[in-house]
Amino acid sequence: MIDSHSPPIRLLDALARLQGRLRGAFAPAQEGSGLAEMEHTVLAAVTGARMPPTVPQIGRSLGHPRQVIQRAANALRDKALIAFVDNPEHKRANLLVATPAGTALQTEANRKAEAISEQIMRHCDAARLARVIDEIEAIRAELDAAARGTLP
């Protein structure tokens, strides 16, 4: 653990350790797909979006540089798992849409992830987990507002 009593640093350390543990637990959901981890991340972002996202939108949402997301999106396009379509609101930022093959791959990964989640929930209190998620999302919203300069 990082030798600090600062709550943001302790939170960062705790989240990094938890993320590592969860990535390991959920790794079997992605096995056999032939995709790199970031490609899975981008495919999930595309298939899970309410409206087709752009590369910069995914990057901002996930906290990754646009270039990292662009490389993964290009790889997914080359594998015929997503397509780039014209964006009527921006000439250079294409919209990303999943192809039927991309949707099928993500659906299978989600099915596997749900089975893993059920196993994990045997060891976690659902109400406590829901409270923690709510708190983390509230902290993220506060940090987002601070970054935009919209805090009172």
N, C-alpha and C. Protein backbone atom coordinates (compact mmCIF):
# COMPACT_ATOMS: atom_id res chain seq x y z
N MET A 1 0.84 -1.19 0.00
CA MET A 1 0.00 0.00 0.00
C MET A 1 0.88 1.25 0.00
N ILE A 2 0.40 2.27 -0.63
CA ILE A 2 1.10 3.54 -0.66
C ILE A 2 1.11 4.12 0.74
N ASP A 3 2.26 4.65 1.15
CA ASP A 3 2.40 5.21 2.50
C ASP A 3 1.88 6.64 2.50
N SER A 4 0.56 6.79 2.54
CA SER A 4 -0.05 8.11 2.57
C SER A 4 -1.37 8.01 3.31
N HIS A 5 -1.71 9.07 3.97
CA HIS A 5 -2.99 9.13 4.66
C HIS A 5 -3.99 9.97 3.86
N SER A 6 -3.57 10.47 2.72
CA SER A 6 -4.43 11.29 1.88
C SER A 6 -5.56 10.42 1.31
N PRO A 7 -6.81 10.78 1.57
CA PRO A 7 -7.91 9.96 1.06
C PRO A 7 -7.88 9.74 -0.46
N PRO A 8 -7.60 10.76 -1.28
CA PRO A 8 -7.57 10.49 -2.72
C PRO A 8 -6.48 9.48 -3.11
N ILE A 9 -5.33 9.54 -2.46
CA ILE A 9 -4.25 8.59 -2.78
C ILE A 9 -4.63 7.20 -2.31
N ARG A 10 -5.21 7.10 -1.12
CA ARG A 10 -5.66 5.79 -0.62
C ARG A 10 -6.74 5.21 -1.52
N LEU A 11 -7.66 6.06 -2.01
CA LEU A 11 -8.71 5.60 -2.91
C LEU A 11 -8.10 5.10 -4.21
N LEU A 12 -7.15 5.84 -4.76
CA LEU A 12 -6.49 5.43 -5.99
C LEU A 12 -5.84 4.06 -5.82
N ASP A 13 -5.15 3.87 -4.72
CA ASP A 13 -4.49 2.59 -4.44
C ASP A 13 -5.52 1.47 -4.31
N ALA A 14 -6.58 1.72 -3.55
CA ALA A 14 -7.60 0.70 -3.35
C ALA A 14 -8.29 0.33 -4.66
N LEU A 15 -8.59 1.34 -5.48
CA LEU A 15 -9.25 1.06 -6.76
C LEU A 15 -8.32 0.32 -7.72
N ALA A 16 -7.05 0.68 -7.72
CA ALA A 16 -6.09 -0.02 -8.59
C ALA A 16 -5.99 -1.49 -8.20
N ARG A 17 -5.94 -1.76 -6.91
CA ARG A 17 -5.86 -3.16 -6.45
C ARG A 17 -7.14 -3.91 -6.76
N LEU A 18 -8.28 -3.26 -6.56
CA LEU A 18 -9.56 -3.89 -6.86
C LEU A 18 -9.70 -4.14 -8.36
N GLN A 19 -9.27 -3.18 -9.15
CA GLN A 19 -9.34 -3.35 -10.61
C GLN A 19 -8.51 -4.54 -11.05
N GLY A 20 -7.32 -4.69 -10.49
CA GLY A 20 -6.49 -5.84 -10.83
C GLY A 20 -7.16 -7.15 -10.47
N ARG A 21 -7.76 -7.20 -9.29
CA ARG A 21 -8.45 -8.41 -8.86
C ARG A 21 -9.64 -8.72 -9.77
N LEU A 22 -10.41 -7.70 -10.12
CA LEU A 22 -11.57 -7.91 -10.98
C LEU A 22 -11.17 -8.29 -12.41
N ARG A 23 -10.11 -7.66 -12.91
CA ARG A 23 -9.64 -8.04 -14.26
C ARG A 23 -9.26 -9.51 -14.30
N GLY A 24 -8.57 -9.96 -13.26
CA GLY A 24 -8.20 -11.37 -13.21
C GLY A 24 -9.43 -12.27 -13.14
N ALA A 25 -10.39 -11.88 -12.34
CA ALA A 25 -11.60 -12.69 -12.19
C ALA A 25 -12.41 -12.75 -13.48
N PHE A 26 -12.47 -11.65 -14.21
CA PHE A 26 -13.29 -11.60 -15.42
C PHE A 26 -12.52 -11.96 -16.69
N ALA A 27 -11.23 -12.23 -16.60
CA ALA A 27 -10.43 -12.57 -17.78
C ALA A 27 -11.03 -13.73 -18.58
N PRO A 28 -11.57 -14.77 -17.93
CA PRO A 28 -12.16 -15.87 -18.72
C PRO A 28 -13.31 -15.44 -19.63
N ALA A 29 -13.95 -14.33 -19.35
CA ALA A 29 -15.05 -13.86 -20.20
C ALA A 29 -14.54 -13.43 -21.58
N GLN A 30 -13.26 -13.11 -21.67
CA GLN A 30 -12.69 -12.62 -22.92
C GLN A 30 -11.82 -13.66 -23.62
N GLU A 31 -11.61 -14.80 -22.96
CA GLU A 31 -10.74 -15.83 -23.54
C GLU A 31 -11.28 -16.33 -24.88
N GLY A 32 -10.35 -16.55 -25.78
CA GLY A 32 -10.69 -17.13 -27.07
C GLY A 32 -11.22 -16.16 -28.10
N SER A 33 -11.34 -14.88 -27.73
CA SER A 33 -11.89 -13.91 -28.68
C SER A 33 -10.85 -13.41 -29.67
N GLY A 34 -9.58 -13.51 -29.30
CA GLY A 34 -8.53 -12.98 -30.15
C GLY A 34 -8.37 -11.47 -30.05
N LEU A 35 -9.06 -10.85 -29.08
CA LEU A 35 -8.97 -9.40 -28.92
C LEU A 35 -8.04 -9.04 -27.77
N ALA A 36 -7.37 -7.92 -27.93
CA ALA A 36 -6.58 -7.35 -26.84
C ALA A 36 -7.53 -6.74 -25.82
N GLU A 37 -7.03 -6.51 -24.61
CA GLU A 37 -7.89 -5.97 -23.55
C GLU A 37 -8.52 -4.64 -23.94
N MET A 38 -7.75 -3.74 -24.53
CA MET A 38 -8.31 -2.44 -24.92
C MET A 38 -9.34 -2.59 -26.04
N GLU A 39 -9.14 -3.55 -26.91
CA GLU A 39 -10.14 -3.80 -27.96
C GLU A 39 -11.45 -4.26 -27.33
N HIS A 40 -11.37 -5.12 -26.32
CA HIS A 40 -12.58 -5.53 -25.60
C HIS A 40 -13.25 -4.32 -24.95
N THR A 41 -12.44 -3.46 -24.38
CA THR A 41 -12.96 -2.28 -23.69
C THR A 41 -13.71 -1.38 -24.67
N VAL A 42 -13.13 -1.15 -25.83
CA VAL A 42 -13.76 -0.29 -26.83
C VAL A 42 -15.01 -0.96 -27.40
N LEU A 43 -14.94 -2.26 -27.68
CA LEU A 43 -16.12 -2.96 -28.19
C LEU A 43 -17.27 -2.87 -27.18
N ALA A 44 -16.96 -3.05 -25.90
CA ALA A 44 -17.99 -2.94 -24.87
C ALA A 44 -18.57 -1.53 -24.83
N ALA A 45 -17.72 -0.52 -25.00
CA ALA A 45 -18.20 0.86 -24.99
C ALA A 45 -19.12 1.12 -26.18
N VAL A 46 -18.78 0.57 -27.33
CA VAL A 46 -19.59 0.78 -28.53
C VAL A 46 -20.92 0.05 -28.40
N THR A 47 -20.88 -1.21 -28.01
CA THR A 47 -22.12 -1.99 -27.94
C THR A 47 -23.01 -1.55 -26.78
N GLY A 48 -22.41 -0.97 -25.74
CA GLY A 48 -23.18 -0.55 -24.57
C GLY A 48 -23.69 0.87 -24.63
N ALA A 49 -23.31 1.61 -25.65
CA ALA A 49 -23.71 3.02 -25.75
C ALA A 49 -25.16 3.16 -26.22
N ARG A 50 -25.84 4.15 -25.66
CA ARG A 50 -27.23 4.43 -26.09
C ARG A 50 -27.25 4.97 -27.51
N MET A 51 -26.26 5.80 -27.82
CA MET A 51 -26.11 6.38 -29.16
C MET A 51 -24.70 6.05 -29.62
N PRO A 52 -24.49 5.88 -30.94
CA PRO A 52 -23.13 5.57 -31.41
C PRO A 52 -22.13 6.62 -30.92
N PRO A 53 -21.07 6.17 -30.24
CA PRO A 53 -20.08 7.11 -29.72
C PRO A 53 -18.99 7.41 -30.74
N THR A 54 -18.20 8.44 -30.44
CA THR A 54 -17.00 8.74 -31.21
C THR A 54 -15.79 8.28 -30.41
N VAL A 55 -14.66 8.20 -31.06
CA VAL A 55 -13.42 7.84 -30.37
C VAL A 55 -13.13 8.81 -29.23
N PRO A 56 -13.19 10.14 -29.46
CA PRO A 56 -12.92 11.06 -28.34
C PRO A 56 -13.90 10.89 -27.17
N GLN A 57 -15.16 10.61 -27.47
CA GLN A 57 -16.13 10.40 -26.39
C GLN A 57 -15.77 9.19 -25.54
N ILE A 58 -15.38 8.11 -26.19
CA ILE A 58 -14.98 6.91 -25.45
C ILE A 58 -13.73 7.20 -24.63
N GLY A 59 -12.78 7.90 -25.22
CA GLY A 59 -11.56 8.24 -24.49
C GLY A 59 -11.84 9.05 -23.25
N ARG A 60 -12.68 10.08 -23.38
CA ARG A 60 -13.02 10.91 -22.22
C ARG A 60 -13.76 10.09 -21.16
N SER A 61 -14.68 9.27 -21.60
CA SER A 61 -15.48 8.47 -20.67
C SER A 61 -14.62 7.50 -19.87
N LEU A 62 -13.64 6.90 -20.52
CA LEU A 62 -12.81 5.88 -19.87
C LEU A 62 -11.50 6.42 -19.32
N GLY A 63 -11.19 7.68 -19.62
CA GLY A 63 -9.96 8.26 -19.11
C GLY A 63 -8.72 7.78 -19.84
N HIS A 64 -8.87 7.48 -21.13
CA HIS A 64 -7.74 7.04 -21.93
C HIS A 64 -7.48 8.05 -23.04
N PRO A 65 -6.24 8.20 -23.47
CA PRO A 65 -5.95 9.11 -24.59
C PRO A 65 -6.68 8.67 -25.86
N ARG A 66 -7.09 9.65 -26.62
CA ARG A 66 -7.80 9.39 -27.88
C ARG A 66 -7.02 8.43 -28.77
N GLN A 67 -5.70 8.57 -28.80
CA GLN A 67 -4.88 7.74 -29.68
C GLN A 67 -4.98 6.26 -29.30
N VAL A 68 -5.04 5.96 -28.02
CA VAL A 68 -5.16 4.57 -27.56
C VAL A 68 -6.49 3.99 -28.02
N ILE A 69 -7.55 4.77 -27.87
CA ILE A 69 -8.88 4.33 -28.29
C ILE A 69 -8.92 4.18 -29.81
N GLN A 70 -8.28 5.11 -30.52
CA GLN A 70 -8.29 5.05 -31.99
C GLN A 70 -7.60 3.78 -32.49
N ARG A 71 -6.47 3.42 -31.88
CA ARG A 71 -5.78 2.19 -32.31
C ARG A 71 -6.67 0.97 -32.10
N ALA A 72 -7.34 0.91 -30.95
CA ALA A 72 -8.23 -0.22 -30.67
C ALA A 72 -9.41 -0.21 -31.64
N ALA A 73 -9.97 0.96 -31.90
CA ALA A 73 -11.10 1.05 -32.84
C ALA A 73 -10.67 0.63 -34.24
N ASN A 74 -9.49 1.05 -34.66
CA ASN A 74 -9.00 0.64 -35.99
C ASN A 74 -8.85 -0.88 -36.06
N ALA A 75 -8.33 -1.48 -35.00
CA ALA A 75 -8.17 -2.94 -34.97
C ALA A 75 -9.53 -3.63 -35.03
N LEU A 76 -10.50 -3.10 -34.30
CA LEU A 76 -11.85 -3.68 -34.33
C LEU A 76 -12.48 -3.53 -35.71
N ARG A 77 -12.25 -2.41 -36.36
CA ARG A 77 -12.75 -2.21 -37.72
C ARG A 77 -12.10 -3.21 -38.67
N ASP A 78 -10.78 -3.39 -38.52
CA ASP A 78 -10.06 -4.32 -39.39
C ASP A 78 -10.53 -5.75 -39.19
N LYS A 79 -11.05 -6.05 -38.00
CA LYS A 79 -11.57 -7.39 -37.70
C LYS A 79 -13.07 -7.48 -37.99
N ALA A 80 -13.63 -6.44 -38.60
CA ALA A 80 -15.05 -6.37 -38.97
C ALA A 80 -15.98 -6.50 -37.77
N LEU A 81 -15.55 -5.97 -36.61
CA LEU A 81 -16.39 -6.01 -35.41
C LEU A 81 -17.10 -4.68 -35.15
N ILE A 82 -16.55 -3.60 -35.69
CA ILE A 82 -17.22 -2.30 -35.66
C ILE A 82 -17.05 -1.66 -37.03
N ALA A 83 -17.87 -0.64 -37.27
CA ALA A 83 -17.76 0.15 -38.49
C ALA A 83 -17.71 1.61 -38.11
N PHE A 84 -17.05 2.40 -38.95
CA PHE A 84 -17.01 3.84 -38.78
C PHE A 84 -18.07 4.42 -39.72
N VAL A 85 -18.94 5.25 -39.20
CA VAL A 85 -19.95 5.88 -40.05
C VAL A 85 -19.84 7.39 -39.90
N ASP A 86 -20.28 8.10 -40.94
CA ASP A 86 -20.22 9.55 -40.92
C ASP A 86 -21.02 10.11 -39.76
N ASN A 87 -20.46 11.16 -39.18
CA ASN A 87 -21.09 11.85 -38.06
C ASN A 87 -21.63 13.17 -38.58
N PRO A 88 -22.95 13.33 -38.61
CA PRO A 88 -23.50 14.59 -39.14
C PRO A 88 -23.13 15.82 -38.32
N GLU A 89 -22.67 15.61 -37.07
CA GLU A 89 -22.33 16.75 -36.22
C GLU A 89 -20.84 17.08 -36.22
N HIS A 90 -20.03 16.23 -36.87
CA HIS A 90 -18.59 16.47 -36.86
C HIS A 90 -17.97 15.79 -38.07
N LYS A 91 -17.22 16.55 -38.86
CA LYS A 91 -16.66 16.01 -40.10
C LYS A 91 -15.58 14.95 -39.86
N ARG A 92 -14.79 15.10 -38.80
CA ARG A 92 -13.64 14.20 -38.62
C ARG A 92 -13.86 13.12 -37.57
N ALA A 93 -14.79 13.29 -36.67
CA ALA A 93 -15.02 12.30 -35.60
C ALA A 93 -16.16 11.37 -36.01
N ASN A 94 -15.78 10.26 -36.63
CA ASN A 94 -16.79 9.28 -37.05
C ASN A 94 -17.51 8.69 -35.86
N LEU A 95 -18.71 8.21 -36.10
CA LEU A 95 -19.45 7.45 -35.11
C LEU A 95 -19.03 6.00 -35.23
N LEU A 96 -18.99 5.29 -34.11
CA LEU A 96 -18.62 3.88 -34.10
C LEU A 96 -19.88 3.06 -33.86
N VAL A 97 -20.10 2.07 -34.71
CA VAL A 97 -21.25 1.18 -34.56
C VAL A 97 -20.75 -0.26 -34.64
N ALA A 98 -21.37 -1.11 -33.85
CA ALA A 98 -20.99 -2.52 -33.87
C ALA A 98 -21.59 -3.20 -35.09
N THR A 99 -20.84 -4.11 -35.65
CA THR A 99 -21.38 -4.96 -36.71
C THR A 99 -22.10 -6.13 -36.04
N PRO A 100 -22.86 -6.90 -36.80
CA PRO A 100 -23.49 -8.09 -36.19
C PRO A 100 -22.46 -9.02 -35.53
N ALA A 101 -21.29 -9.17 -36.15
CA ALA A 101 -20.25 -10.02 -35.55
C ALA A 101 -19.75 -9.42 -34.24
N GLY A 102 -19.59 -8.10 -34.19
CA GLY A 102 -19.15 -7.44 -32.97
C GLY A 102 -20.18 -7.55 -31.86
N THR A 103 -21.44 -7.39 -32.23
CA THR A 103 -22.51 -7.53 -31.24
C THR A 103 -22.56 -8.95 -30.71
N ALA A 104 -22.42 -9.93 -31.59
CA ALA A 104 -22.44 -11.34 -31.14
C ALA A 104 -21.27 -11.64 -30.22
N LEU A 105 -20.09 -11.15 -30.55
CA LEU A 105 -18.92 -11.38 -29.70
C LEU A 105 -19.12 -10.76 -28.33
N GLN A 106 -19.63 -9.53 -28.29
CA GLN A 106 -19.85 -8.86 -27.01
C GLN A 106 -20.97 -9.54 -26.21
N THR A 107 -21.99 -10.01 -26.88
CA THR A 107 -23.07 -10.72 -26.20
C THR A 107 -22.54 -11.97 -25.52
N GLU A 108 -21.67 -12.70 -26.19
CA GLU A 108 -21.08 -13.90 -25.59
C GLU A 108 -20.17 -13.55 -24.42
N ALA A 109 -19.37 -12.49 -24.56
CA ALA A 109 -18.52 -12.05 -23.45
C ALA A 109 -19.38 -11.63 -22.26
N ASN A 110 -20.49 -10.95 -22.53
CA ASN A 110 -21.39 -10.54 -21.45
C ASN A 110 -22.00 -11.75 -20.76
N ARG A 111 -22.36 -12.78 -21.52
CA ARG A 111 -22.93 -13.99 -20.95
C ARG A 111 -21.93 -14.64 -19.99
N LYS A 112 -20.68 -14.74 -20.44
CA LYS A 112 -19.63 -15.32 -19.60
C LYS A 112 -19.39 -14.45 -18.36
N ALA A 113 -19.40 -13.13 -18.54
CA ALA A 113 -19.17 -12.22 -17.43
C ALA A 113 -20.29 -12.32 -16.39
N GLU A 114 -21.51 -12.51 -16.84
CA GLU A 114 -22.62 -12.66 -15.89
C GLU A 114 -22.44 -13.91 -15.04
N ALA A 115 -21.97 -14.98 -15.64
CA ALA A 115 -21.73 -16.21 -14.86
C ALA A 115 -20.63 -15.98 -13.83
N ILE A 116 -19.59 -15.26 -14.22
CA ILE A 116 -18.51 -14.94 -13.29
C ILE A 116 -19.03 -14.03 -12.18
N SER A 117 -19.86 -13.07 -12.55
CA SER A 117 -20.43 -12.15 -11.57
C SER A 117 -21.25 -12.91 -10.54
N GLU A 118 -22.01 -13.90 -10.96
CA GLU A 118 -22.80 -14.70 -10.03
C GLU A 118 -21.89 -15.41 -9.02
N GLN A 119 -20.75 -15.89 -9.49
CA GLN A 119 -19.80 -16.53 -8.58
C GLN A 119 -19.24 -15.52 -7.58
N ILE A 120 -18.89 -14.34 -8.06
CA ILE A 120 -18.34 -13.30 -7.20
C ILE A 120 -19.36 -12.89 -6.14
N MET A 121 -20.61 -12.79 -6.53
CA MET A 121 -21.65 -12.33 -5.60
C MET A 121 -21.91 -13.32 -4.48
N ARG A 122 -21.42 -14.53 -4.60
CA ARG A 122 -21.52 -15.48 -3.49
C ARG A 122 -20.66 -15.04 -2.31
N HIS A 123 -19.71 -14.15 -2.60
CA HIS A 123 -18.76 -13.70 -1.57
C HIS A 123 -18.92 -12.22 -1.22
N CYS A 124 -19.91 -11.56 -1.81
CA CYS A 124 -20.11 -10.13 -1.57
C CYS A 124 -21.55 -9.86 -1.15
N ASP A 125 -21.72 -8.84 -0.34
CA ASP A 125 -23.05 -8.40 0.06
C ASP A 125 -23.57 -7.44 -1.01
N ALA A 126 -24.68 -7.78 -1.63
CA ALA A 126 -25.22 -7.00 -2.75
C ALA A 126 -25.56 -5.56 -2.34
N ALA A 127 -26.16 -5.39 -1.18
CA ALA A 127 -26.54 -4.04 -0.74
C ALA A 127 -25.29 -3.18 -0.49
N ARG A 128 -24.29 -3.78 0.12
CA ARG A 128 -23.04 -3.05 0.38
C ARG A 128 -22.38 -2.67 -0.94
N LEU A 129 -22.33 -3.59 -1.88
CA LEU A 129 -21.74 -3.33 -3.18
C LEU A 129 -22.48 -2.19 -3.88
N ALA A 130 -23.81 -2.19 -3.81
CA ALA A 130 -24.59 -1.12 -4.42
C ALA A 130 -24.26 0.23 -3.80
N ARG A 131 -24.11 0.27 -2.47
CA ARG A 131 -23.75 1.52 -1.79
C ARG A 131 -22.37 2.01 -2.23
N VAL A 132 -21.42 1.10 -2.32
CA VAL A 132 -20.06 1.47 -2.73
C VAL A 132 -20.07 2.01 -4.16
N ILE A 133 -20.80 1.35 -5.04
CA ILE A 133 -20.90 1.83 -6.43
C ILE A 133 -21.49 3.23 -6.47
N ASP A 134 -22.57 3.45 -5.73
CA ASP A 134 -23.18 4.79 -5.67
C ASP A 134 -22.17 5.83 -5.19
N GLU A 135 -21.40 5.50 -4.17
CA GLU A 135 -20.42 6.44 -3.63
C GLU A 135 -19.31 6.72 -4.65
N ILE A 136 -18.82 5.70 -5.31
CA ILE A 136 -17.76 5.89 -6.31
C ILE A 136 -18.27 6.75 -7.46
N GLU A 137 -19.50 6.48 -7.90
CA GLU A 137 -20.07 7.28 -8.98
C GLU A 137 -20.26 8.74 -8.55
N ALA A 138 -20.63 8.97 -7.30
CA ALA A 138 -20.77 10.34 -6.80
C ALA A 138 -19.42 11.05 -6.77
N ILE A 139 -18.39 10.36 -6.33
CA ILE A 139 -17.04 10.94 -6.31
C ILE A 139 -16.61 11.27 -7.73
N ARG A 140 -16.85 10.35 -8.66
CA ARG A 140 -16.49 10.61 -10.06
C ARG A 140 -17.22 11.84 -10.59
N ALA A 141 -18.50 11.97 -10.28
CA ALA A 141 -19.27 13.13 -10.73
C ALA A 141 -18.70 14.43 -10.16
N GLU A 142 -18.31 14.40 -8.90
CA GLU A 142 -17.70 15.58 -8.29
C GLU A 142 -16.39 15.95 -8.98
N LEU A 143 -15.57 14.95 -9.27
CA LEU A 143 -14.30 15.21 -9.94
C LEU A 143 -14.52 15.70 -11.37
N ASP A 144 -15.54 15.12 -12.06
CA ASP A 144 -15.87 15.59 -13.41
C ASP A 144 -16.30 17.05 -13.37
N ALA A 145 -17.15 17.40 -12.40
CA ALA A 145 -17.62 18.78 -12.29
C ALA A 145 -16.45 19.72 -11.99
N ALA A 146 -15.54 19.28 -11.13
CA ALA A 146 -14.37 20.10 -10.82
C ALA A 146 -13.50 20.29 -12.06
N ALA A 147 -13.34 19.24 -12.85
CA ALA A 147 -12.52 19.33 -14.06
C ALA A 147 -13.16 20.27 -15.08
N ARG A 148 -14.48 20.30 -15.13
CA ARG A 148 -15.18 21.22 -16.05
C ARG A 148 -15.29 22.62 -15.49
N GLY A 149 -14.95 22.78 -14.22
CA GLY A 149 -15.06 24.08 -13.58
C GLY A 149 -16.49 24.47 -13.26
N THR A 150 -17.35 23.47 -13.04
CA THR A 150 -18.77 23.75 -12.78
C THR A 150 -19.16 23.57 -11.32
N LEU A 151 -18.17 23.40 -10.45
CA LEU A 151 -18.49 23.30 -9.02
C LEU A 151 -18.83 24.69 -8.49
N PRO A 152 -19.76 24.76 -7.51
CA PRO A 152 -20.11 26.07 -6.95
C PRO A 152 -18.95 26.70 -6.22
